[in-house]
Amino acid sequence: MENVRKHTTNVYEAVLVASKRARQLNEERLAKLELMPEDESIDIDTRKVTEIALKELSDGLIKTER
């Protein structure tokens, strides 16, 4: 969590940013799942979307406005 705080002004902002990114990731995952019966080469990340979003935020891959 300390790495996340480096990229946001406070914890509440981090929660909002991560939850918004998690929703985006979930929408992308659902779109891929719909295409799976047609294209079996689609690879879906099995990690939880919140885990992915927090990792992206802590790695500085998500930019926030200050």
Protein backbone atom coordinates (compact mmCIF):
# COMPACT_ATOMS: atom_id res chain seq x y z
CA MET A 1 0.00 0.00 0.00
CA GLU A 2 2.95 2.30 0.59
CA ASN A 3 3.85 2.19 -3.12
CA VAL A 4 0.30 3.22 -3.99
CA ARG A 5 0.55 6.28 -1.74
CA LYS A 6 3.55 7.53 -3.75
CA HIS A 7 1.37 7.95 -6.84
CA THR A 8 -1.71 9.56 -5.25
CA THR A 9 -2.34 12.41 -2.87
CA ASN A 10 -4.22 10.27 -0.33
CA VAL A 11 -5.59 6.79 0.28
CA TYR A 12 -9.15 7.74 -0.72
CA GLU A 13 -7.96 8.91 -4.12
CA ALA A 14 -6.07 5.63 -4.52
CA VAL A 15 -9.24 3.67 -3.79
CA LEU A 16 -11.22 5.68 -6.34
CA VAL A 17 -8.55 5.39 -9.04
CA ALA A 18 -8.05 1.67 -8.47
CA SER A 19 -11.78 0.94 -8.45
CA LYS A 20 -12.28 2.84 -11.69
CA ARG A 21 -9.43 0.91 -13.32
CA ALA A 22 -10.81 -2.38 -11.95
CA ARG A 23 -14.17 -1.65 -13.59
CA GLN A 24 -12.39 -0.96 -16.90
CA LEU A 25 -10.47 -4.22 -16.62
CA ASN A 26 -13.67 -6.10 -15.84
CA GLU A 27 -15.39 -4.66 -18.93
CA GLU A 28 -12.42 -5.71 -21.07
CA ARG A 29 -12.50 -9.20 -19.55
CA LEU A 30 -16.23 -9.58 -20.21
CA ALA A 31 -15.75 -8.51 -23.83
CA LYS A 32 -13.01 -11.13 -24.24
CA LEU A 33 -15.22 -13.80 -22.67
CA GLU A 34 -17.94 -13.06 -25.20
CA LEU A 35 -15.45 -13.63 -28.03
CA MET A 36 -13.99 -16.83 -26.58
CA PRO A 37 -16.37 -19.31 -28.26
CA GLU A 38 -15.36 -17.88 -31.65
CA ASP A 39 -11.64 -17.45 -30.99
CA GLU A 40 -10.04 -19.93 -28.59
CA SER A 41 -6.64 -18.21 -28.79
CA ILE A 42 -7.85 -15.39 -26.51
CA ASP A 43 -5.86 -15.28 -23.27
CA ILE A 44 -7.60 -14.03 -20.14
CA ASP A 45 -5.72 -13.03 -17.00
CA THR A 46 -7.15 -15.05 -14.10
CA ARG A 47 -6.06 -12.64 -11.36
CA LYS A 48 -8.68 -10.52 -9.65
CA VAL A 49 -9.25 -7.19 -11.38
CA THR A 50 -8.70 -5.30 -8.12
CA GLU A 51 -5.33 -6.98 -7.70
CA ILE A 52 -4.32 -5.98 -11.24
CA ALA A 53 -5.53 -2.39 -10.74
CA LEU A 54 -3.64 -1.95 -7.47
CA LYS A 55 -0.49 -3.42 -9.03
CA GLU A 56 -0.75 -1.02 -11.98
CA LEU A 57 -1.26 1.90 -9.60
CA SER A 58 1.71 0.94 -7.40
CA ASP A 59 3.90 0.50 -10.50
CA GLY A 60 2.97 3.99 -11.68
CA LEU A 61 1.17 2.74 -14.80
CA ILE A 62 -1.97 4.67 -13.93
CA LYS A 63 -1.63 8.44 -14.00
CA THR A 64 -3.72 10.58 -11.69
CA GLU A 65 -4.52 14.25 -11.97
CA ARG A 66 -3.43 16.39 -9.04
